[in-house]
Amino acid sequence: MQTITTVAELRATLAKARDKRVGFVPTMGYLHDGHMALVEGSRAQCDVTVLSIFVNPTQFGPNEDLSTYPRAFLRDQKLCRDPGVTIVFAPDAQEVYPAQFETFIEPGEFAKPLCGAFRPGHFRGVATVVCKLFNIVQPDIAFFGQKDFQQCAVVRRMAIDLNLPVEIATVPTVREPDMLAMSSRNRYLNTEERRRALAISRGLLAAEAEFRSGERECEKLIAIARRHLNEVDRLQYLELVDVDTLEPASNPLSHPAALCAAAYVGSTRLIDNVILKPQVSA
């Protein structure tokens, strides 16, 4: 495994592997099993796996946790060796955003609902850094986690709109044994908050179970999930949206939809979702 910190060195190294299939896993570090699932996806389909570690400042808004976002680079390096990451790309902010940087990607409608309604400019920063990383790495496939459902939608739309020659692969959410969605921010939770945070996955999974039992009324599915969410400190949103458009799902549910939630437990903002896929009659 190599650790590379500059664009020039990474490009020179990858130039020697252009006859191979390159997979890319973009992360902000503080790696966990969810990230490792993305690595496994890349290893299964690609010859070379590049994992980036970069806490992107342009996707954090005022009063968000940029300065306190968990960082553990030596730990992350060690974790990358066992699953067989080929290259860890760990640039600093000046390498990604050099002096006088002023060009940004402005995403469209996919960036407006859900998290976009509460984090203005967030997906502008996400789209910009992901586009830059795609141009630097030039992967065949990039792997993202379903937990960040809206991010996947924004990135996939960007890749299509800008004719970026990269396939976007989405890997199912990895959960703790108690079903809390894995997130680097889980470390912020104290014991009591960690217990209460389970309300998010409990609500979403309860709605999913009712959906599998035949419930197709959108309002009822949302209400089922909401009943479990009284233990969070602040529910920011709970919405059922069409997976292709991110617009409110049509009632009764007949097309794949995502039931998405964002909530604060203590001072920690957590997101999660489940995908509901109606069976299509032959």
C-alpha atoms as a PDB file:
ATOM      1  CA  MET A   1       0.000   0.000   0.000  1.00  0.00           C
ATOM      2  CA  GLN A   2       1.222   3.481  -0.894  1.00  0.00           C
ATOM      3  CA  THR A   3       0.293   6.720   0.802  1.00  0.00           C
ATOM      4  CA  ILE A   4       0.381   9.681  -1.559  1.00  0.00           C
ATOM      5  CA  THR A   5      -0.249  13.315  -0.674  1.00  0.00           C
ATOM      6  CA  THR A   6       0.142  15.226  -3.955  1.00  0.00           C
ATOM      7  CA  VAL A   7      -1.833  15.268  -7.179  1.00  0.00           C
ATOM      8  CA  ALA A   8       1.329  15.038  -9.288  1.00  0.00           C
ATOM      9  CA  GLU A   9       2.578  11.894  -7.544  1.00  0.00           C
ATOM     10  CA  LEU A  10      -0.819  10.225  -7.668  1.00  0.00           C
ATOM     11  CA  ARG A  11      -1.187  10.902 -11.381  1.00  0.00           C
ATOM     12  CA  ALA A  12       2.322   9.608 -12.073  1.00  0.00           C
ATOM     13  CA  THR A  13       1.622   6.442 -10.098  1.00  0.00           C
ATOM     14  CA  LEU A  14      -1.753   5.776 -11.703  1.00  0.00           C
ATOM     15  CA  ALA A  15      -0.339   6.414 -15.183  1.00  0.00           C
ATOM     16  CA  LYS A  16       1.456   3.083 -14.784  1.00  0.00           C
ATOM     17  CA  ALA A  17      -1.860   1.324 -14.108  1.00  0.00           C
ATOM     18  CA  ARG A  18      -3.972   2.596 -16.984  1.00  0.00           C
ATOM     19  CA  ASP A  19      -4.311  -0.935 -18.356  1.00  0.00           C
ATOM     20  CA  LYS A  20      -5.994  -1.902 -15.097  1.00  0.00           C
ATOM     21  CA  ARG A  21      -9.467  -1.253 -13.747  1.00  0.00           C
ATOM     22  CA  VAL A  22      -9.328   1.474 -11.095  1.00  0.00           C
ATOM     23  CA  GLY A  23     -11.821   1.708  -8.231  1.00  0.00           C
ATOM     24  CA  PHE A  24     -12.137   4.775  -6.049  1.00  0.00           C
ATOM     25  CA  VAL A  25     -13.482   5.171  -2.507  1.00  0.00           C
ATOM     26  CA  PRO A  26     -13.725   8.843  -1.432  1.00  0.00           C
ATOM     27  CA  THR A  27     -13.823   9.328   2.360  1.00  0.00           C
ATOM     28  CA  MET A  28     -13.262  11.959   5.012  1.00  0.00           C
ATOM     29  CA  GLY A  29     -11.385   9.477   7.149  1.00  0.00           C
ATOM     30  CA  TYR A  30     -12.060   8.084  10.611  1.00  0.00           C
ATOM     31  CA  LEU A  31     -12.782   4.854   8.798  1.00  0.00           C
ATOM     32  CA  HIS A  32     -15.235   2.192   9.939  1.00  0.00           C
ATOM     33  CA  ASP A  33     -16.775  -1.015   8.554  1.00  0.00           C
ATOM     34  CA  GLY A  34     -19.055   0.996   6.275  1.00  0.00           C
ATOM     35  CA  HIS A  35     -16.008   2.372   4.482  1.00  0.00           C
ATOM     36  CA  MET A  36     -14.478  -1.089   4.383  1.00  0.00           C
ATOM     37  CA  ALA A  37     -17.606  -2.360   2.614  1.00  0.00           C
ATOM     38  CA  LEU A  38     -16.917   0.202  -0.110  1.00  0.00           C
ATOM     39  CA  VAL A  39     -13.338  -1.066  -0.322  1.00  0.00           C
ATOM     40  CA  GLU A  40     -14.586  -4.640  -0.618  1.00  0.00           C
ATOM     41  CA  GLY A  41     -16.864  -3.560  -3.443  1.00  0.00           C
ATOM     42  CA  SER A  42     -13.921  -2.029  -5.235  1.00  0.00           C
ATOM     43  CA  ARG A  43     -11.676  -5.041  -4.699  1.00  0.00           C
ATOM     44  CA  ALA A  44     -14.366  -7.335  -6.119  1.00  0.00           C
ATOM     45  CA  GLN A  45     -14.642  -5.339  -9.349  1.00  0.00           C
ATOM     46  CA  CYS A  46     -11.312  -3.576  -9.819  1.00  0.00           C
ATOM     47  CA  ASP A  47      -7.588  -4.279 -10.012  1.00  0.00           C
ATOM     48  CA  VAL A  48      -6.505  -1.107  -8.204  1.00  0.00           C
ATOM     49  CA  THR A  49      -8.306   0.561  -5.288  1.00  0.00           C
ATOM     50  CA  VAL A  50      -7.643   4.183  -4.407  1.00  0.00           C
ATOM     51  CA  LEU A  51      -9.077   5.452  -1.116  1.00  0.00           C
ATOM     52  CA  SER A  52      -8.953   9.171  -0.435  1.00  0.00           C
ATOM     53  CA  ILE A  53      -8.889  10.720   3.025  1.00  0.00           C
ATOM     54  CA  PHE A  54      -9.749  14.391   2.923  1.00  0.00           C
ATOM     55  CA  VAL A  55     -11.947  16.385   5.284  1.00  0.00           C
ATOM     56  CA  ASN A  56     -13.424  18.731   2.717  1.00  0.00           C
ATOM     57  CA  PRO A  57     -13.838  22.250   4.146  1.00  0.00           C
ATOM     58  CA  THR A  58     -16.177  23.485   1.400  1.00  0.00           C
ATOM     59  CA  GLN A  59     -19.021  21.159   2.400  1.00  0.00           C
ATOM     60  CA  PHE A  60     -19.193  22.404   6.004  1.00  0.00           C
ATOM     61  CA  GLY A  61     -21.358  25.388   6.804  1.00  0.00           C
ATOM     62  CA  PRO A  62     -20.923  27.970   9.559  1.00  0.00           C
ATOM     63  CA  ASN A  63     -21.170  26.457  13.054  1.00  0.00           C
ATOM     64  CA  GLU A  64     -20.807  22.912  11.681  1.00  0.00           C
ATOM     65  CA  ASP A  65     -18.165  20.485  12.928  1.00  0.00           C
ATOM     66  CA  LEU A  66     -15.246  21.039  10.521  1.00  0.00           C
ATOM     67  CA  SER A  67     -12.749  21.778  13.293  1.00  0.00           C
ATOM     68  CA  THR A  68     -13.873  18.865  15.459  1.00  0.00           C
ATOM     69  CA  TYR A  69     -14.607  16.303  12.741  1.00  0.00           C
ATOM     70  CA  PRO A  70     -12.881  13.084  13.901  1.00  0.00           C
ATOM     71  CA  ARG A  71      -9.443  12.497  12.451  1.00  0.00           C
ATOM     72  CA  ALA A  72      -7.185   9.485  13.067  1.00  0.00           C
ATOM     73  CA  PHE A  73      -4.853   9.197  10.099  1.00  0.00           C
ATOM     74  CA  LEU A  74      -2.429   6.571  11.448  1.00  0.00           C
ATOM     75  CA  ARG A  75      -5.354   4.396  12.517  1.00  0.00           C
ATOM     76  CA  ASP A  76      -6.938   4.808   9.084  1.00  0.00           C
ATOM     77  CA  GLN A  77      -3.701   3.811   7.332  1.00  0.00           C
ATOM     78  CA  LYS A  78      -3.541   0.631   9.371  1.00  0.00           C
ATOM     79  CA  LEU A  79      -7.160  -0.232   8.594  1.00  0.00           C
ATOM     80  CA  CYS A  80      -6.501   0.173   4.867  1.00  0.00           C
ATOM     81  CA  ARG A  81      -3.695  -2.373   4.785  1.00  0.00           C
ATOM     82  CA  ASP A  82      -5.718  -5.429   5.751  1.00  0.00           C
ATOM     83  CA  PRO A  83      -8.500  -5.051   3.139  1.00  0.00           C
ATOM     84  CA  GLY A  84      -5.904  -4.381   0.453  1.00  0.00           C
ATOM     85  CA  VAL A  85      -6.224  -0.718  -0.502  1.00  0.00           C
ATOM     86  CA  THR A  86      -3.643  -0.053  -3.201  1.00  0.00           C
ATOM     87  CA  ILE A  87      -3.234   3.686  -2.652  1.00  0.00           C
ATOM     88  CA  VAL A  88      -4.304   6.025   0.132  1.00  0.00           C
ATOM     89  CA  PHE A  89      -4.549   9.554  -1.267  1.00  0.00           C
ATOM     90  CA  ALA A  90      -4.342  12.033   1.610  1.00  0.00           C
ATOM     91  CA  PRO A  91      -3.869  15.581   0.304  1.00  0.00           C
ATOM     92  CA  ASP A  92      -3.996  18.663   2.490  1.00  0.00           C
ATOM     93  CA  ALA A  93      -6.415  21.526   1.867  1.00  0.00           C
ATOM     94  CA  GLN A  94      -3.852  23.570  -0.066  1.00  0.00           C
ATOM     95  CA  GLU A  95      -3.292  20.690  -2.465  1.00  0.00           C
ATOM     96  CA  VAL A  96      -6.996  20.418  -3.266  1.00  0.00           C
ATOM     97  CA  TYR A  97      -7.827  24.119  -3.087  1.00  0.00           C
ATOM     98  CA  PRO A  98      -4.699  26.070  -4.067  1.00  0.00           C
ATOM     99  CA  ALA A  99      -4.409  29.816  -3.728  1.00  0.00           C
ATOM    100  CA  GLN A 100      -6.952  31.784  -5.780  1.00  0.00           C
ATOM    101  CA  PHE A 101      -9.197  28.746  -6.261  1.00  0.00           C
ATOM    102  CA  GLU A 102     -12.609  30.042  -7.361  1.00  0.00           C
ATOM    103  CA  THR A 103     -14.366  27.448  -9.548  1.00  0.00           C
ATOM    104  CA  PHE A 104     -17.229  25.422  -8.061  1.00  0.00           C
ATOM    105  CA  ILE A 105     -19.813  22.905  -9.270  1.00  0.00           C
ATOM    106  CA  GLU A 106     -23.353  24.143  -8.666  1.00  0.00           C
ATOM    107  CA  PRO A 107     -25.712  21.149  -8.425  1.00  0.00           C
ATOM    108  CA  GLY A 108     -29.355  21.472  -9.384  1.00  0.00           C
ATOM    109  CA  GLU A 109     -32.675  20.220  -8.070  1.00  0.00           C
ATOM    110  CA  PHE A 110     -31.282  17.083  -6.403  1.00  0.00           C
ATOM    111  CA  ALA A 111     -29.365  19.301  -3.965  1.00  0.00           C
ATOM    112  CA  LYS A 112     -32.417  21.267  -2.773  1.00  0.00           C
ATOM    113  CA  PRO A 113     -34.611  18.935  -0.660  1.00  0.00           C
ATOM    114  CA  LEU A 114     -33.730  16.840   2.416  1.00  0.00           C
ATOM    115  CA  CYS A 115     -30.253  17.801   3.688  1.00  0.00           C
ATOM    116  CA  GLY A 116     -29.965  20.523   1.072  1.00  0.00           C
ATOM    117  CA  ALA A 117     -32.850  22.443   2.640  1.00  0.00           C
ATOM    118  CA  PHE A 118     -31.008  22.647   5.958  1.00  0.00           C
ATOM    119  CA  ARG A 119     -27.363  22.813   4.841  1.00  0.00           C
ATOM    120  CA  PRO A 120     -27.110  25.538   2.176  1.00  0.00           C
ATOM    121  CA  GLY A 121     -23.987  25.147   0.077  1.00  0.00           C
ATOM    122  CA  HIS A 122     -23.252  21.654   1.380  1.00  0.00           C
ATOM    123  CA  PHE A 123     -23.787  19.840  -1.898  1.00  0.00           C
ATOM    124  CA  ARG A 124     -21.964  22.586  -3.803  1.00  0.00           C
ATOM    125  CA  GLY A 125     -18.916  21.630  -1.757  1.00  0.00           C
ATOM    126  CA  VAL A 126     -19.558  17.909  -2.159  1.00  0.00           C
ATOM    127  CA  ALA A 127     -20.004  18.118  -5.928  1.00  0.00           C
ATOM    128  CA  THR A 128     -16.911  20.277  -6.343  1.00  0.00           C
ATOM    129  CA  VAL A 129     -14.561  18.083  -4.341  1.00  0.00           C
ATOM    130  CA  VAL A 130     -15.914  14.855  -5.849  1.00  0.00           C
ATOM    131  CA  CYS A 131     -15.534  16.242  -9.369  1.00  0.00           C
ATOM    132  CA  LYS A 132     -11.964  17.288  -8.582  1.00  0.00           C
ATOM    133  CA  LEU A 133     -11.167  13.862  -7.141  1.00  0.00           C
ATOM    134  CA  PHE A 134     -12.687  12.133 -10.173  1.00  0.00           C
ATOM    135  CA  ASN A 135     -10.487  14.248 -12.440  1.00  0.00           C
ATOM    136  CA  ILE A 136      -7.421  13.490 -10.338  1.00  0.00           C
ATOM    137  CA  VAL A 137      -7.959   9.730  -9.917  1.00  0.00           C
ATOM    138  CA  GLN A 138      -9.830   9.057 -13.183  1.00  0.00           C
ATOM    139  CA  PRO A 139     -11.466   5.908 -11.796  1.00  0.00           C
ATOM    140  CA  ASP A 140     -13.555   3.422 -13.714  1.00  0.00           C
ATOM    141  CA  ILE A 141     -15.930   2.998 -10.750  1.00  0.00           C
ATOM    142  CA  ALA A 142     -16.474   5.115  -7.628  1.00  0.00           C
ATOM    143  CA  PHE A 143     -18.111   3.610  -4.559  1.00  0.00           C
ATOM    144  CA  PHE A 144     -20.480   5.432  -2.213  1.00  0.00           C
ATOM    145  CA  GLY A 145     -22.620   4.294   0.719  1.00  0.00           C
ATOM    146  CA  GLN A 146     -26.415   4.238   0.635  1.00  0.00           C
ATOM    147  CA  LYS A 147     -26.517   5.976   4.029  1.00  0.00           C
ATOM    148  CA  ASP A 148     -25.625   9.146   2.118  1.00  0.00           C
ATOM    149  CA  PHE A 149     -28.544   8.620  -0.259  1.00  0.00           C
ATOM    150  CA  GLN A 150     -28.874  12.227  -1.408  1.00  0.00           C
ATOM    151  CA  GLN A 151     -25.132  12.572  -1.907  1.00  0.00           C
ATOM    152  CA  CYS A 152     -25.208   9.523  -4.188  1.00  0.00           C
ATOM    153  CA  ALA A 153     -28.037  11.080  -6.202  1.00  0.00           C
ATOM    154  CA  VAL A 154     -26.219  14.414  -6.552  1.00  0.00           C
ATOM    155  CA  VAL A 155     -22.942  12.764  -7.583  1.00  0.00           C
ATOM    156  CA  ARG A 156     -24.628  10.436 -10.072  1.00  0.00           C
ATOM    157  CA  ARG A 157     -26.496  13.349 -11.659  1.00  0.00           C
ATOM    158  CA  MET A 158     -23.278  15.366 -11.852  1.00  0.00           C
ATOM    159  CA  ALA A 159     -21.422  12.505 -13.535  1.00  0.00           C
ATOM    160  CA  ILE A 160     -24.176  12.164 -16.139  1.00  0.00           C
ATOM    161  CA  ASP A 161     -24.564  15.893 -16.754  1.00  0.00           C
ATOM    162  CA  LEU A 162     -20.821  16.544 -17.105  1.00  0.00           C
ATOM    163  CA  ASN A 163     -20.110  13.367 -19.126  1.00  0.00           C
ATOM    164  CA  LEU A 164     -17.668  12.099 -16.520  1.00  0.00           C
ATOM    165  CA  PRO A 165     -16.492   8.625 -17.571  1.00  0.00           C
ATOM    166  CA  VAL A 166     -17.048   6.990 -14.187  1.00  0.00           C
ATOM    167  CA  GLU A 167     -19.647   4.509 -12.971  1.00  0.00           C
ATOM    168  CA  ILE A 168     -21.237   5.366  -9.630  1.00  0.00           C
ATOM    169  CA  ALA A 169     -21.790   2.285  -7.465  1.00  0.00           C
ATOM    170  CA  THR A 170     -23.927   2.430  -4.314  1.00  0.00           C
ATOM    171  CA  VAL A 171     -23.191  -0.028  -1.499  1.00  0.00           C
ATOM    172  CA  PRO A 172     -25.903  -0.879   1.078  1.00  0.00           C
ATOM    173  CA  THR A 173     -25.729   0.824   4.466  1.00  0.00           C
ATOM    174  CA  VAL A 174     -23.639  -1.047   7.031  1.00  0.00           C
ATOM    175  CA  ARG A 175     -25.142  -1.096  10.524  1.00  0.00           C
ATOM    176  CA  GLU A 176     -23.915  -1.766  14.034  1.00  0.00           C
ATOM    177  CA  PRO A 177     -25.218  -4.951  15.711  1.00  0.00           C
ATOM    178  CA  ASP A 178     -27.974  -2.819  17.302  1.00  0.00           C
ATOM    179  CA  MET A 179     -28.848  -1.479  13.802  1.00  0.00           C
ATOM    180  CA  LEU A 180     -27.520   2.077  14.194  1.00  0.00           C
ATOM    181  CA  ALA A 181     -26.175   3.136  10.800  1.00  0.00           C
ATOM    182  CA  MET A 182     -22.388   3.340  10.910  1.00  0.00           C
ATOM    183  CA  SER A 183     -21.063   6.891  10.803  1.00  0.00           C
ATOM    184  CA  SER A 184     -17.848   8.618  11.790  1.00  0.00           C
ATOM    185  CA  ARG A 185     -20.007  11.006  13.828  1.00  0.00           C
ATOM    186  CA  ASN A 186     -21.291   8.187  16.067  1.00  0.00           C
ATOM    187  CA  ARG A 187     -18.210   8.724  18.214  1.00  0.00           C
ATOM    188  CA  TYR A 188     -19.679  12.058  19.349  1.00  0.00           C
ATOM    189  CA  LEU A 189     -22.520  10.246  21.149  1.00  0.00           C
ATOM    190  CA  ASN A 190     -22.276   9.510  24.848  1.00  0.00           C
ATOM    191  CA  THR A 191     -23.794   6.305  26.222  1.00  0.00           C
ATOM    192  CA  GLU A 192     -27.244   7.775  26.810  1.00  0.00           C
ATOM    193  CA  GLU A 193     -27.317   9.552  23.445  1.00  0.00           C
ATOM    194  CA  ARG A 194     -26.124   6.382  21.706  1.00  0.00           C
ATOM    195  CA  ARG A 195     -29.116   4.532  23.167  1.00  0.00           C
ATOM    196  CA  ARG A 196     -31.560   7.228  22.048  1.00  0.00           C
ATOM    197  CA  ALA A 197     -30.013   7.431  18.571  1.00  0.00           C
ATOM    198  CA  LEU A 198     -31.365   3.935  17.915  1.00  0.00           C
ATOM    199  CA  ALA A 199     -34.796   5.521  17.539  1.00  0.00           C
ATOM    200  CA  ILE A 200     -33.813   6.633  14.033  1.00  0.00           C
ATOM    201  CA  SER A 201     -33.074   3.197  12.615  1.00  0.00           C
ATOM    202  CA  ARG A 202     -35.872   1.666  14.674  1.00  0.00           C
ATOM    203  CA  GLY A 203     -38.415   3.984  13.077  1.00  0.00           C
ATOM    204  CA  LEU A 204     -37.152   3.529   9.549  1.00  0.00           C
ATOM    205  CA  LEU A 205     -36.947  -0.238   9.873  1.00  0.00           C
ATOM    206  CA  ALA A 206     -40.439  -0.403  11.378  1.00  0.00           C
ATOM    207  CA  ALA A 207     -41.802   1.409   8.331  1.00  0.00           C
ATOM    208  CA  GLU A 208     -39.823  -0.898   6.068  1.00  0.00           C
ATOM    209  CA  ALA A 209     -41.330  -3.939   7.805  1.00  0.00           C
ATOM    210  CA  GLU A 210     -44.853  -2.573   7.285  1.00  0.00           C
ATOM    211  CA  PHE A 211     -44.020  -1.895   3.644  1.00  0.00           C
ATOM    212  CA  ARG A 212     -42.892  -5.500   3.225  1.00  0.00           C
ATOM    213  CA  SER A 213     -46.182  -6.583   4.794  1.00  0.00           C
ATOM    214  CA  GLY A 214     -48.062  -4.732   2.075  1.00  0.00           C
ATOM    215  CA  GLU A 215     -48.544  -1.162   3.294  1.00  0.00           C
ATOM    216  CA  ARG A 216     -48.351   1.278   0.359  1.00  0.00           C
ATOM    217  CA  GLU A 217     -49.883   4.489   1.764  1.00  0.00           C
ATOM    218  CA  CYS A 218     -47.069   7.045   2.000  1.00  0.00           C
ATOM    219  CA  GLU A 219     -48.585   8.953   4.916  1.00  0.00           C
ATOM    220  CA  LYS A 220     -49.019   5.754   6.932  1.00  0.00           C
ATOM    221  CA  LEU A 221     -45.425   4.648   6.316  1.00  0.00           C
ATOM    222  CA  ILE A 222     -44.121   8.039   7.429  1.00  0.00           C
ATOM    223  CA  ALA A 223     -46.387   7.967  10.499  1.00  0.00           C
ATOM    224  CA  ILE A 224     -45.124   4.506  11.468  1.00  0.00           C
ATOM    225  CA  ALA A 225     -41.544   5.730  11.379  1.00  0.00           C
ATOM    226  CA  ARG A 226     -42.385   8.953  13.222  1.00  0.00           C
ATOM    227  CA  ARG A 227     -43.912   7.070  16.176  1.00  0.00           C
ATOM    228  CA  HIS A 228     -40.464   5.747  17.053  1.00  0.00           C
ATOM    229  CA  LEU A 229     -38.629   9.054  16.812  1.00  0.00           C
ATOM    230  CA  ASN A 230     -39.741  10.729  20.030  1.00  0.00           C
ATOM    231  CA  GLU A 231     -36.410   9.942  21.697  1.00  0.00           C
ATOM    232  CA  VAL A 232     -34.373  12.197  19.416  1.00  0.00           C
ATOM    233  CA  ASP A 233     -33.829  15.782  20.517  1.00  0.00           C
ATOM    234  CA  ARG A 234     -34.818  17.333  17.212  1.00  0.00           C
ATOM    235  CA  LEU A 235     -36.196  15.685  14.098  1.00  0.00           C
ATOM    236  CA  GLN A 236     -34.985  17.770  11.182  1.00  0.00           C
ATOM    237  CA  TYR A 237     -36.850  15.866   8.483  1.00  0.00           C
ATOM    238  CA  LEU A 238     -38.596  12.595   7.792  1.00  0.00           C
ATOM    239  CA  GLU A 239     -39.568  12.302   4.142  1.00  0.00           C
ATOM    240  CA  LEU A 240     -40.482   9.637   1.613  1.00  0.00           C
ATOM    241  CA  VAL A 241     -39.081  10.570  -1.796  1.00  0.00           C
ATOM    242  CA  ASP A 242     -38.916   9.003  -5.237  1.00  0.00           C
ATOM    243  CA  VAL A 243     -35.446   7.520  -5.718  1.00  0.00           C
ATOM    244  CA  ASP A 244     -35.143   8.871  -9.265  1.00  0.00           C
ATOM    245  CA  THR A 245     -36.368  12.437  -8.743  1.00  0.00           C
ATOM    246  CA  LEU A 246     -36.120  13.077  -4.962  1.00  0.00           C
ATOM    247  CA  GLU A 247     -39.607  14.558  -5.203  1.00  0.00           C
ATOM    248  CA  PRO A 248     -42.285  13.412  -2.715  1.00  0.00           C
ATOM    249  CA  ALA A 249     -43.266   9.833  -3.468  1.00  0.00           C
ATOM    250  CA  SER A 250     -46.575   9.271  -5.251  1.00  0.00           C
ATOM    251  CA  ASN A 251     -49.409   7.721  -3.298  1.00  0.00           C
ATOM    252  CA  PRO A 252     -49.997   4.779  -3.204  1.00  0.00           C
ATOM    253  CA  LEU A 253     -46.358   3.796  -3.458  1.00  0.00           C
ATOM    254  CA  SER A 254     -45.719   2.012  -6.748  1.00  0.00           C
ATOM    255  CA  HIS A 255     -42.179   3.148  -7.602  1.00  0.00           C
ATOM    256  CA  PRO A 256     -38.948   2.736  -5.578  1.00  0.00           C
ATOM    257  CA  ALA A 257     -38.716   5.366  -2.855  1.00  0.00           C
ATOM    258  CA  ALA A 258     -36.347   6.332  -0.063  1.00  0.00           C
ATOM    259  CA  LEU A 259     -37.603   6.987   3.452  1.00  0.00           C
ATOM    260  CA  CYS A 260     -35.024   9.456   4.733  1.00  0.00           C
ATOM    261  CA  ALA A 261     -34.473  10.962   8.162  1.00  0.00           C
ATOM    262  CA  ALA A 262     -32.146  13.493   9.728  1.00  0.00           C
ATOM    263  CA  ALA A 263     -32.205  14.141  13.463  1.00  0.00           C
ATOM    264  CA  TYR A 264     -30.165  15.626  16.251  1.00  0.00           C
ATOM    265  CA  VAL A 265     -29.333  13.512  19.281  1.00  0.00           C
ATOM    266  CA  GLY A 266     -27.626  15.829  21.704  1.00  0.00           C
ATOM    267  CA  SER A 267     -25.545  18.069  19.455  1.00  0.00           C
ATOM    268  CA  THR A 268     -24.890  15.324  16.890  1.00  0.00           C
ATOM    269  CA  ARG A 269     -26.700  15.321  13.575  1.00  0.00           C
ATOM    270  CA  LEU A 270     -27.331  11.839  12.173  1.00  0.00           C
ATOM    271  CA  ILE A 271     -28.874  10.721   8.892  1.00  0.00           C
ATOM    272  CA  ASP A 272     -30.264   7.384   7.770  1.00  0.00           C
ATOM    273  CA  ASN A 273     -32.635   5.922   5.192  1.00  0.00           C
ATOM    274  CA  VAL A 274     -34.250   2.770   3.887  1.00  0.00           C
ATOM    275  CA  ILE A 275     -35.116   2.042   0.265  1.00  0.00           C
ATOM    276  CA  LEU A 276     -38.617   0.734  -0.402  1.00  0.00           C
ATOM    277  CA  LYS A 277     -38.972  -1.171  -3.674  1.00  0.00           C
ATOM    278  CA  PRO A 278     -42.466  -2.248  -4.731  1.00  0.00           C
ATOM    279  CA  GLN A 279     -42.608  -5.452  -6.721  1.00  0.00           C
ATOM    280  CA  VAL A 280     -43.354  -4.815 -10.390  1.00  0.00           C
ATOM    281  CA  SER A 281     -46.003  -7.103 -11.827  1.00  0.00           C
ATOM    282  CA  ALA A 282     -44.945  -9.113 -14.863  1.00  0.00           C
END
